[in-house]
Amino acid sequence: MKKYRIPFILLLVFLNIGCDQVSKIIVRDNIDKNANIELIGDYFVMTNVYNYGAFLGMGSEMSPVLKYIFLLILPSIVLILVFRHLLVKKDLSMTAVIGLAFLLGGGIGNIYDRLMHKRVIDFFHIDLGGVFKTGIFNMADVSVMVGMGFVLYSSIIKKQSLGL
């Protein structure tokens, strides 16, 4: 796998970016802004919401300069550091590599939207009747959360193998 490590990482990153961007194009072109389409009753709904902030719209009221710093510059620096970590740390588990690649792809997807459109399109909403409810999110957010899950799992397994 060492021979194919970098192509594998790039494949995962670009697949995540591709899924995110294609899904946003489909939503933008086919769902009216703020419309609701029930995919599974009221439990899983698709919509089309423009998010000018970050997670759950936080930061949408910030000045343009602060938005630029907190929603573009700082996340870009973090993603560059994650990419560097992926390239430099040769002893990462496959689970950690997959997780970091997903995180990188999702992060790039949302940063791309902020650069090109000054906003992000969010379109999924889950509400399991008070048991579990999300904000409105997109495929880049799914990539980041799945990636974080893989990284967390990898970290737990590593600690267990070290007896910590």
N, C-alpha and C. Protein backbone atom coordinates (compact mmCIF):
# COMPACT_ATOMS: atom_id res chain seq x y z
N MET A 1 0.82 -1.20 0.00
CA MET A 1 0.00 0.00 0.00
C MET A 1 0.86 1.26 0.00
N LYS A 2 2.09 1.16 0.49
CA LYS A 2 2.95 2.34 0.56
C LYS A 2 3.14 2.98 -0.81
N LYS A 3 3.24 2.14 -1.83
CA LYS A 3 3.44 2.63 -3.19
C LYS A 3 2.24 3.45 -3.68
N TYR A 4 1.06 3.09 -3.23
CA TYR A 4 -0.17 3.73 -3.69
C TYR A 4 -0.77 4.68 -2.66
N ARG A 5 -0.04 4.98 -1.61
CA ARG A 5 -0.57 5.79 -0.51
C ARG A 5 -1.04 7.17 -0.98
N ILE A 6 -0.18 7.92 -1.66
CA ILE A 6 -0.54 9.28 -2.08
C ILE A 6 -1.66 9.25 -3.12
N PRO A 7 -1.61 8.38 -4.15
CA PRO A 7 -2.75 8.32 -5.08
C PRO A 7 -4.06 7.93 -4.36
N PHE A 8 -3.97 7.04 -3.37
CA PHE A 8 -5.16 6.64 -2.61
C PHE A 8 -5.72 7.83 -1.84
N ILE A 9 -4.85 8.58 -1.18
CA ILE A 9 -5.28 9.76 -0.44
C ILE A 9 -5.95 10.76 -1.39
N LEU A 10 -5.30 11.04 -2.50
CA LEU A 10 -5.85 12.00 -3.47
C LEU A 10 -7.18 11.52 -4.04
N LEU A 11 -7.29 10.22 -4.31
CA LEU A 11 -8.55 9.67 -4.80
C LEU A 11 -9.68 9.91 -3.79
N LEU A 12 -9.42 9.60 -2.52
CA LEU A 12 -10.45 9.82 -1.49
C LEU A 12 -10.82 11.30 -1.37
N VAL A 13 -9.82 12.15 -1.36
CA VAL A 13 -10.08 13.59 -1.25
C VAL A 13 -10.94 14.06 -2.42
N PHE A 14 -10.55 13.70 -3.64
CA PHE A 14 -11.29 14.17 -4.81
C PHE A 14 -12.67 13.53 -4.93
N LEU A 15 -12.83 12.28 -4.49
CA LEU A 15 -14.16 11.67 -4.47
C LEU A 15 -15.09 12.41 -3.51
N ASN A 16 -14.56 12.79 -2.35
CA ASN A 16 -15.37 13.54 -1.39
C ASN A 16 -15.74 14.91 -1.92
N ILE A 17 -14.77 15.60 -2.52
CA ILE A 17 -15.06 16.91 -3.12
C ILE A 17 -16.08 16.74 -4.24
N GLY A 18 -15.90 15.74 -5.09
CA GLY A 18 -16.81 15.51 -6.20
C GLY A 18 -18.23 15.23 -5.76
N CYS A 19 -18.40 14.33 -4.79
CA CYS A 19 -19.74 14.04 -4.27
C CYS A 19 -20.39 15.29 -3.70
N ASP A 20 -19.62 16.07 -2.97
CA ASP A 20 -20.13 17.30 -2.38
C ASP A 20 -20.57 18.28 -3.47
N GLN A 21 -19.71 18.54 -4.43
CA GLN A 21 -20.02 19.54 -5.44
C GLN A 21 -21.17 19.10 -6.36
N VAL A 22 -21.19 17.84 -6.74
CA VAL A 22 -22.29 17.34 -7.58
C VAL A 22 -23.61 17.44 -6.83
N SER A 23 -23.62 17.06 -5.56
CA SER A 23 -24.87 17.13 -4.78
C SER A 23 -25.35 18.58 -4.67
N LYS A 24 -24.44 19.52 -4.48
CA LYS A 24 -24.83 20.93 -4.38
C LYS A 24 -25.36 21.47 -5.71
N ILE A 25 -24.77 21.04 -6.81
CA ILE A 25 -25.26 21.46 -8.13
C ILE A 25 -26.67 20.93 -8.35
N ILE A 26 -26.89 19.66 -8.00
CA ILE A 26 -28.23 19.06 -8.16
C ILE A 26 -29.25 19.82 -7.34
N VAL A 27 -28.92 20.12 -6.09
CA VAL A 27 -29.85 20.85 -5.22
C VAL A 27 -30.09 22.26 -5.76
N ARG A 28 -29.02 22.96 -6.09
CA ARG A 28 -29.14 24.34 -6.59
C ARG A 28 -30.01 24.41 -7.85
N ASP A 29 -29.85 23.42 -8.75
CA ASP A 29 -30.56 23.45 -10.03
C ASP A 29 -31.97 22.87 -9.98
N ASN A 30 -32.30 22.11 -8.93
CA ASN A 30 -33.57 21.39 -8.93
C ASN A 30 -34.49 21.64 -7.74
N ILE A 31 -34.00 22.29 -6.71
CA ILE A 31 -34.84 22.52 -5.54
C ILE A 31 -34.92 24.02 -5.28
N ASP A 32 -36.14 24.53 -5.20
CA ASP A 32 -36.32 25.95 -4.92
C ASP A 32 -35.74 26.29 -3.56
N LYS A 33 -35.25 27.53 -3.44
CA LYS A 33 -34.69 27.98 -2.17
C LYS A 33 -35.75 27.86 -1.07
N ASN A 34 -35.36 27.25 0.04
CA ASN A 34 -36.19 27.05 1.23
C ASN A 34 -37.36 26.08 1.02
N ALA A 35 -37.41 25.38 -0.11
CA ALA A 35 -38.45 24.36 -0.31
C ALA A 35 -38.11 23.14 0.55
N ASN A 36 -39.09 22.35 0.90
CA ASN A 36 -38.88 21.11 1.66
C ASN A 36 -39.39 19.93 0.86
N ILE A 37 -38.54 18.93 0.69
CA ILE A 37 -38.93 17.68 0.04
C ILE A 37 -38.73 16.57 1.05
N GLU A 38 -39.82 15.90 1.39
CA GLU A 38 -39.74 14.82 2.37
C GLU A 38 -39.19 13.58 1.69
N LEU A 39 -38.04 13.13 2.14
CA LEU A 39 -37.44 11.91 1.61
C LEU A 39 -37.94 10.70 2.38
N ILE A 40 -38.01 10.83 3.70
CA ILE A 40 -38.57 9.79 4.57
C ILE A 40 -39.47 10.52 5.57
N GLY A 41 -40.69 10.82 5.15
CA GLY A 41 -41.61 11.56 6.00
C GLY A 41 -40.98 12.86 6.49
N ASP A 42 -41.32 13.24 7.72
CA ASP A 42 -40.71 14.42 8.34
C ASP A 42 -39.34 14.11 8.93
N TYR A 43 -38.95 12.83 8.88
CA TYR A 43 -37.71 12.42 9.53
C TYR A 43 -36.45 12.82 8.75
N PHE A 44 -36.52 12.75 7.45
CA PHE A 44 -35.36 13.06 6.61
C PHE A 44 -35.84 13.94 5.46
N VAL A 45 -35.48 15.21 5.51
CA VAL A 45 -36.00 16.21 4.58
C VAL A 45 -34.85 16.82 3.78
N MET A 46 -35.11 17.08 2.51
CA MET A 46 -34.15 17.78 1.67
C MET A 46 -34.69 19.18 1.41
N THR A 47 -33.81 20.16 1.47
CA THR A 47 -34.20 21.55 1.29
C THR A 47 -33.08 22.26 0.53
N ASN A 48 -33.15 23.55 0.42
CA ASN A 48 -32.10 24.33 -0.24
C ASN A 48 -31.94 25.63 0.55
N VAL A 49 -30.93 25.66 1.40
CA VAL A 49 -30.69 26.80 2.27
C VAL A 49 -29.30 27.34 2.01
N TYR A 50 -29.19 28.65 1.86
CA TYR A 50 -27.88 29.29 1.71
C TYR A 50 -27.34 29.62 3.09
N ASN A 51 -26.15 29.13 3.37
CA ASN A 51 -25.51 29.35 4.66
C ASN A 51 -24.34 30.30 4.44
N TYR A 52 -24.45 31.49 4.99
CA TYR A 52 -23.40 32.50 4.83
C TYR A 52 -22.42 32.48 6.00
N GLY A 53 -22.62 31.56 6.93
CA GLY A 53 -21.73 31.43 8.07
C GLY A 53 -21.04 30.09 8.06
N ALA A 54 -20.86 29.55 9.24
CA ALA A 54 -20.23 28.25 9.38
C ALA A 54 -21.28 27.27 9.87
N PHE A 55 -20.89 26.33 10.71
CA PHE A 55 -21.78 25.31 11.27
C PHE A 55 -23.04 25.96 11.83
N LEU A 56 -24.21 25.52 11.36
CA LEU A 56 -25.52 26.03 11.78
C LEU A 56 -25.66 27.53 11.57
N GLY A 57 -24.93 28.06 10.60
CA GLY A 57 -25.02 29.48 10.28
C GLY A 57 -24.26 30.40 11.22
N MET A 58 -23.55 29.81 12.19
CA MET A 58 -22.80 30.65 13.13
C MET A 58 -21.79 31.51 12.36
N GLY A 59 -21.70 32.76 12.72
CA GLY A 59 -20.76 33.66 12.09
C GLY A 59 -21.31 34.39 10.89
N SER A 60 -22.57 34.13 10.54
CA SER A 60 -23.14 34.78 9.35
C SER A 60 -23.27 36.29 9.54
N GLU A 61 -23.29 36.75 10.78
CA GLU A 61 -23.42 38.18 11.07
C GLU A 61 -22.07 38.88 11.22
N MET A 62 -20.97 38.14 11.09
CA MET A 62 -19.65 38.74 11.24
C MET A 62 -19.36 39.70 10.08
N SER A 63 -18.44 40.61 10.33
CA SER A 63 -18.02 41.53 9.27
C SER A 63 -17.31 40.73 8.17
N PRO A 64 -17.26 41.26 6.95
CA PRO A 64 -16.59 40.54 5.86
C PRO A 64 -15.14 40.17 6.18
N VAL A 65 -14.43 41.04 6.88
CA VAL A 65 -13.03 40.75 7.23
C VAL A 65 -12.95 39.57 8.18
N LEU A 66 -13.79 39.56 9.21
CA LEU A 66 -13.78 38.44 10.16
C LEU A 66 -14.22 37.15 9.48
N LYS A 67 -15.21 37.22 8.61
CA LYS A 67 -15.63 36.03 7.86
C LYS A 67 -14.47 35.48 7.05
N TYR A 68 -13.76 36.37 6.39
CA TYR A 68 -12.62 35.96 5.57
C TYR A 68 -11.57 35.24 6.42
N ILE A 69 -11.30 35.79 7.60
CA ILE A 69 -10.30 35.19 8.49
C ILE A 69 -10.79 33.86 9.05
N PHE A 70 -12.01 33.86 9.63
CA PHE A 70 -12.49 32.68 10.35
C PHE A 70 -13.11 31.60 9.48
N LEU A 71 -13.60 31.96 8.31
CA LEU A 71 -14.26 30.97 7.46
C LEU A 71 -13.44 30.56 6.24
N LEU A 72 -12.35 31.29 5.96
CA LEU A 72 -11.50 30.93 4.82
C LEU A 72 -10.04 30.72 5.21
N ILE A 73 -9.43 31.72 5.81
CA ILE A 73 -8.00 31.66 6.10
C ILE A 73 -7.68 30.57 7.13
N LEU A 74 -8.29 30.65 8.31
CA LEU A 74 -7.97 29.66 9.36
C LEU A 74 -8.31 28.23 8.94
N PRO A 75 -9.50 27.97 8.38
CA PRO A 75 -9.77 26.60 7.92
C PRO A 75 -8.79 26.13 6.84
N SER A 76 -8.38 27.03 5.96
CA SER A 76 -7.41 26.65 4.92
C SER A 76 -6.07 26.26 5.54
N ILE A 77 -5.65 27.00 6.55
CA ILE A 77 -4.40 26.67 7.25
C ILE A 77 -4.51 25.29 7.89
N VAL A 78 -5.65 25.04 8.55
CA VAL A 78 -5.86 23.73 9.19
C VAL A 78 -5.81 22.62 8.14
N LEU A 79 -6.46 22.82 7.00
CA LEU A 79 -6.47 21.78 5.96
C LEU A 79 -5.08 21.56 5.37
N ILE A 80 -4.32 22.61 5.23
CA ILE A 80 -2.93 22.46 4.76
C ILE A 80 -2.13 21.64 5.76
N LEU A 81 -2.34 21.90 7.05
CA LEU A 81 -1.63 21.13 8.09
C LEU A 81 -2.07 19.67 8.10
N VAL A 82 -3.37 19.42 7.88
CA VAL A 82 -3.86 18.04 7.81
C VAL A 82 -3.23 17.33 6.61
N PHE A 83 -3.19 18.00 5.47
CA PHE A 83 -2.59 17.40 4.28
C PHE A 83 -1.11 17.11 4.50
N ARG A 84 -0.41 18.05 5.10
CA ARG A 84 1.01 17.85 5.42
C ARG A 84 1.18 16.65 6.34
N HIS A 85 0.32 16.56 7.36
CA HIS A 85 0.37 15.44 8.30
C HIS A 85 0.18 14.11 7.57
N LEU A 86 -0.76 14.09 6.64
CA LEU A 86 -1.00 12.88 5.85
C LEU A 86 0.22 12.48 5.03
N LEU A 87 0.91 13.46 4.49
CA LEU A 87 2.08 13.17 3.66
C LEU A 87 3.31 12.79 4.48
N VAL A 88 3.49 13.42 5.63
CA VAL A 88 4.71 13.25 6.42
C VAL A 88 4.64 12.02 7.32
N LYS A 89 3.50 11.79 7.96
CA LYS A 89 3.37 10.68 8.92
C LYS A 89 3.11 9.38 8.17
N LYS A 90 4.16 8.62 7.97
CA LYS A 90 4.06 7.37 7.22
C LYS A 90 3.50 6.22 8.05
N ASP A 91 3.43 6.40 9.38
CA ASP A 91 2.99 5.32 10.25
C ASP A 91 1.51 5.42 10.63
N LEU A 92 0.76 6.28 9.96
CA LEU A 92 -0.67 6.38 10.25
C LEU A 92 -1.38 5.10 9.85
N SER A 93 -2.36 4.71 10.65
CA SER A 93 -3.16 3.53 10.30
C SER A 93 -4.01 3.84 9.07
N MET A 94 -4.45 2.82 8.40
CA MET A 94 -5.32 3.00 7.23
C MET A 94 -6.60 3.73 7.64
N THR A 95 -7.11 3.43 8.83
CA THR A 95 -8.31 4.10 9.33
C THR A 95 -8.07 5.60 9.49
N ALA A 96 -6.93 5.97 10.04
CA ALA A 96 -6.60 7.39 10.20
C ALA A 96 -6.42 8.07 8.85
N VAL A 97 -5.77 7.40 7.92
CA VAL A 97 -5.56 7.96 6.58
C VAL A 97 -6.91 8.23 5.91
N ILE A 98 -7.80 7.26 5.97
CA ILE A 98 -9.13 7.43 5.37
C ILE A 98 -9.87 8.58 6.04
N GLY A 99 -9.83 8.61 7.36
CA GLY A 99 -10.51 9.68 8.10
C GLY A 99 -9.99 11.06 7.75
N LEU A 100 -8.68 11.21 7.73
CA LEU A 100 -8.10 12.52 7.41
C LEU A 100 -8.36 12.91 5.96
N ALA A 101 -8.39 11.95 5.05
CA ALA A 101 -8.70 12.24 3.64
C ALA A 101 -10.15 12.70 3.50
N PHE A 102 -11.08 12.06 4.21
CA PHE A 102 -12.48 12.49 4.20
C PHE A 102 -12.60 13.90 4.77
N LEU A 103 -11.94 14.14 5.88
CA LEU A 103 -11.97 15.45 6.52
C LEU A 103 -11.44 16.52 5.55
N LEU A 104 -10.36 16.21 4.89
CA LEU A 104 -9.75 17.13 3.93
C LEU A 104 -10.70 17.40 2.76
N GLY A 105 -11.30 16.36 2.21
CA GLY A 105 -12.22 16.54 1.08
C GLY A 105 -13.44 17.36 1.45
N GLY A 106 -14.02 17.09 2.61
CA GLY A 106 -15.18 17.86 3.06
C GLY A 106 -14.83 19.31 3.32
N GLY A 107 -13.71 19.53 3.97
CA GLY A 107 -13.28 20.89 4.25
C GLY A 107 -13.02 21.68 2.98
N ILE A 108 -12.36 21.06 2.03
CA ILE A 108 -12.09 21.73 0.75
C ILE A 108 -13.39 22.05 0.02
N GLY A 109 -14.36 21.12 0.07
CA GLY A 109 -15.64 21.35 -0.58
C GLY A 109 -16.34 22.60 -0.08
N ASN A 110 -16.38 22.78 1.23
CA ASN A 110 -17.04 23.96 1.79
C ASN A 110 -16.22 25.23 1.57
N ILE A 111 -14.91 25.14 1.66
CA ILE A 111 -14.08 26.32 1.40
C ILE A 111 -14.21 26.76 -0.06
N TYR A 112 -14.26 25.80 -0.96
CA TYR A 112 -14.45 26.13 -2.38
C TYR A 112 -15.74 26.94 -2.57
N ASP A 113 -16.82 26.49 -1.92
CA ASP A 113 -18.09 27.21 -2.05
C ASP A 113 -17.99 28.63 -1.50
N ARG A 114 -17.32 28.77 -0.38
CA ARG A 114 -17.18 30.12 0.20
C ARG A 114 -16.36 31.03 -0.71
N LEU A 115 -15.34 30.47 -1.34
CA LEU A 115 -14.53 31.27 -2.27
C LEU A 115 -15.30 31.63 -3.53
N MET A 116 -16.00 30.66 -4.10
CA MET A 116 -16.65 30.86 -5.40
C MET A 116 -18.03 31.52 -5.29
N HIS A 117 -18.77 31.22 -4.22
CA HIS A 117 -20.16 31.67 -4.13
C HIS A 117 -20.45 32.55 -2.92
N LYS A 118 -19.45 32.73 -2.05
CA LYS A 118 -19.61 33.52 -0.81
C LYS A 118 -20.61 32.89 0.16
N ARG A 119 -20.92 31.62 -0.05
CA ARG A 119 -21.88 30.90 0.80
C ARG A 119 -21.73 29.41 0.55
N VAL A 120 -22.39 28.64 1.38
CA VAL A 120 -22.43 27.19 1.23
C VAL A 120 -23.90 26.79 1.11
N ILE A 121 -24.20 25.83 0.26
CA ILE A 121 -25.57 25.31 0.18
C ILE A 121 -25.68 24.14 1.14
N ASP A 122 -26.64 24.23 2.06
CA ASP A 122 -26.97 23.13 2.95
C ASP A 122 -28.33 22.60 2.53
N PHE A 123 -28.53 21.27 2.67
CA PHE A 123 -29.78 20.73 2.12
C PHE A 123 -30.36 19.52 2.82
N PHE A 124 -29.66 18.89 3.73
CA PHE A 124 -30.23 17.74 4.45
C PHE A 124 -30.63 18.16 5.85
N HIS A 125 -31.74 17.60 6.33
CA HIS A 125 -32.18 17.84 7.70
C HIS A 125 -32.78 16.54 8.23
N ILE A 126 -32.34 16.14 9.42
CA ILE A 126 -32.85 14.93 10.07
C ILE A 126 -33.54 15.34 11.36
N ASP A 127 -34.75 14.82 11.58
CA ASP A 127 -35.49 15.07 12.82
C ASP A 127 -36.22 13.79 13.19
N LEU A 128 -35.70 13.09 14.18
CA LEU A 128 -36.30 11.82 14.60
C LEU A 128 -37.24 12.04 15.77
N GLY A 129 -38.08 13.04 15.67
CA GLY A 129 -39.12 13.28 16.64
C GLY A 129 -38.63 13.60 18.04
N GLY A 130 -37.64 14.42 18.17
CA GLY A 130 -37.14 14.81 19.48
C GLY A 130 -36.03 13.93 20.02
N VAL A 131 -35.90 12.72 19.47
CA VAL A 131 -34.84 11.81 19.91
C VAL A 131 -33.50 12.27 19.37
N PHE A 132 -33.49 12.69 18.12
CA PHE A 132 -32.28 13.15 17.45
C PHE A 132 -32.67 14.16 16.40
N LYS A 133 -32.01 15.30 16.41
CA LYS A 133 -32.32 16.35 15.43
C LYS A 133 -31.03 17.05 15.04
N THR A 134 -30.86 17.27 13.74
CA THR A 134 -29.67 17.97 13.24
C THR A 134 -30.04 19.36 12.76
N GLY A 135 -29.03 20.16 12.54
CA GLY A 135 -29.20 21.37 11.76
C GLY A 135 -29.24 20.96 10.30
N ILE A 136 -29.33 21.91 9.42
CA ILE A 136 -29.31 21.60 7.99
C ILE A 136 -27.85 21.50 7.56
N PHE A 137 -27.52 20.44 6.82
CA PHE A 137 -26.13 20.17 6.49
C PHE A 137 -26.00 19.71 5.04
N ASN A 138 -24.76 19.50 4.60
CA ASN A 138 -24.50 19.08 3.23
C ASN A 138 -23.53 17.90 3.21
N MET A 139 -23.17 17.45 2.02
CA MET A 139 -22.29 16.28 1.91
C MET A 139 -20.88 16.56 2.40
N ALA A 140 -20.41 17.80 2.29
CA ALA A 140 -19.09 18.14 2.83
C ALA A 140 -19.09 17.96 4.35
N ASP A 141 -20.20 18.36 4.98
CA ASP A 141 -20.32 18.17 6.43
C ASP A 141 -20.32 16.69 6.79
N VAL A 142 -20.99 15.88 5.96
CA VAL A 142 -21.00 14.43 6.18
C VAL A 142 -19.57 13.89 6.07
N SER A 143 -18.83 14.34 5.06
CA SER A 143 -17.44 13.90 4.90
C SER A 143 -16.61 14.24 6.12
N VAL A 144 -16.76 15.46 6.62
CA VAL A 144 -16.00 15.88 7.80
C VAL A 144 -16.37 15.03 9.01
N MET A 145 -17.66 14.79 9.22
CA MET A 145 -18.09 14.01 10.39
C MET A 145 -17.66 12.55 10.27
N VAL A 146 -17.78 11.97 9.10
CA VAL A 146 -17.32 10.59 8.89
C VAL A 146 -15.82 10.52 9.10
N GLY A 147 -15.10 11.50 8.55
CA GLY A 147 -13.65 11.55 8.74
C GLY A 147 -13.27 11.65 10.20
N MET A 148 -13.96 12.50 10.95
CA MET A 148 -13.67 12.63 12.38
C MET A 148 -13.98 11.32 13.11
N GLY A 149 -15.03 10.63 12.69
CA GLY A 149 -15.35 9.33 13.28
C GLY A 149 -14.23 8.33 13.06
N PHE A 150 -13.70 8.28 11.84
CA PHE A 150 -12.58 7.38 11.54
C PHE A 150 -11.35 7.74 12.36
N VAL A 151 -11.04 9.04 12.45
CA VAL A 151 -9.87 9.48 13.22
C VAL A 151 -10.04 9.14 14.69
N LEU A 152 -11.22 9.38 15.23
CA LEU A 152 -11.49 9.06 16.63
C LEU A 152 -11.37 7.56 16.88
N TYR A 153 -11.96 6.76 16.00
CA TYR A 153 -11.86 5.31 16.12
C TYR A 153 -10.41 4.86 16.07
N SER A 154 -9.65 5.41 15.14
CA SER A 154 -8.23 5.07 15.01
C SER A 154 -7.47 5.42 16.27
N SER A 155 -7.78 6.55 16.85
CA SER A 155 -7.12 6.99 18.08
C SER A 155 -7.44 6.06 19.25
N ILE A 156 -8.69 5.65 19.35
CA ILE A 156 -9.10 4.74 20.43
C ILE A 156 -8.41 3.40 20.28
N ILE A 157 -8.40 2.86 19.07
CA ILE A 157 -7.74 1.58 18.81
C ILE A 157 -6.26 1.66 19.13
N LYS A 158 -5.62 2.75 18.74
CA LYS A 158 -4.19 2.92 19.00
C LYS A 158 -3.92 2.97 20.50
N LYS A 159 -4.74 3.69 21.25
CA LYS A 159 -4.56 3.77 22.71
C LYS A 159 -4.76 2.40 23.35
N GLN A 160 -5.75 1.66 22.87
CA GLN A 160 -5.99 0.32 23.43
C GLN A 160 -4.81 -0.60 23.15
N SER A 161 -4.24 -0.49 21.96
CA SER A 161 -3.11 -1.36 21.63
C SER A 161 -1.86 -0.99 22.43
N LEU A 162 -1.80 0.26 22.89
CA LEU A 162 -0.68 0.69 23.73
C LEU A 162 -0.96 0.45 25.21
N GLY A 163 -2.16 -0.03 25.51
CA GLY A 163 -2.53 -0.31 26.89
C GLY A 163 -2.85 0.94 27.69
N LEU A 164 -3.28 2.01 27.04
CA LEU A 164 -3.60 3.26 27.73
C LEU A 164 -5.06 3.34 28.08
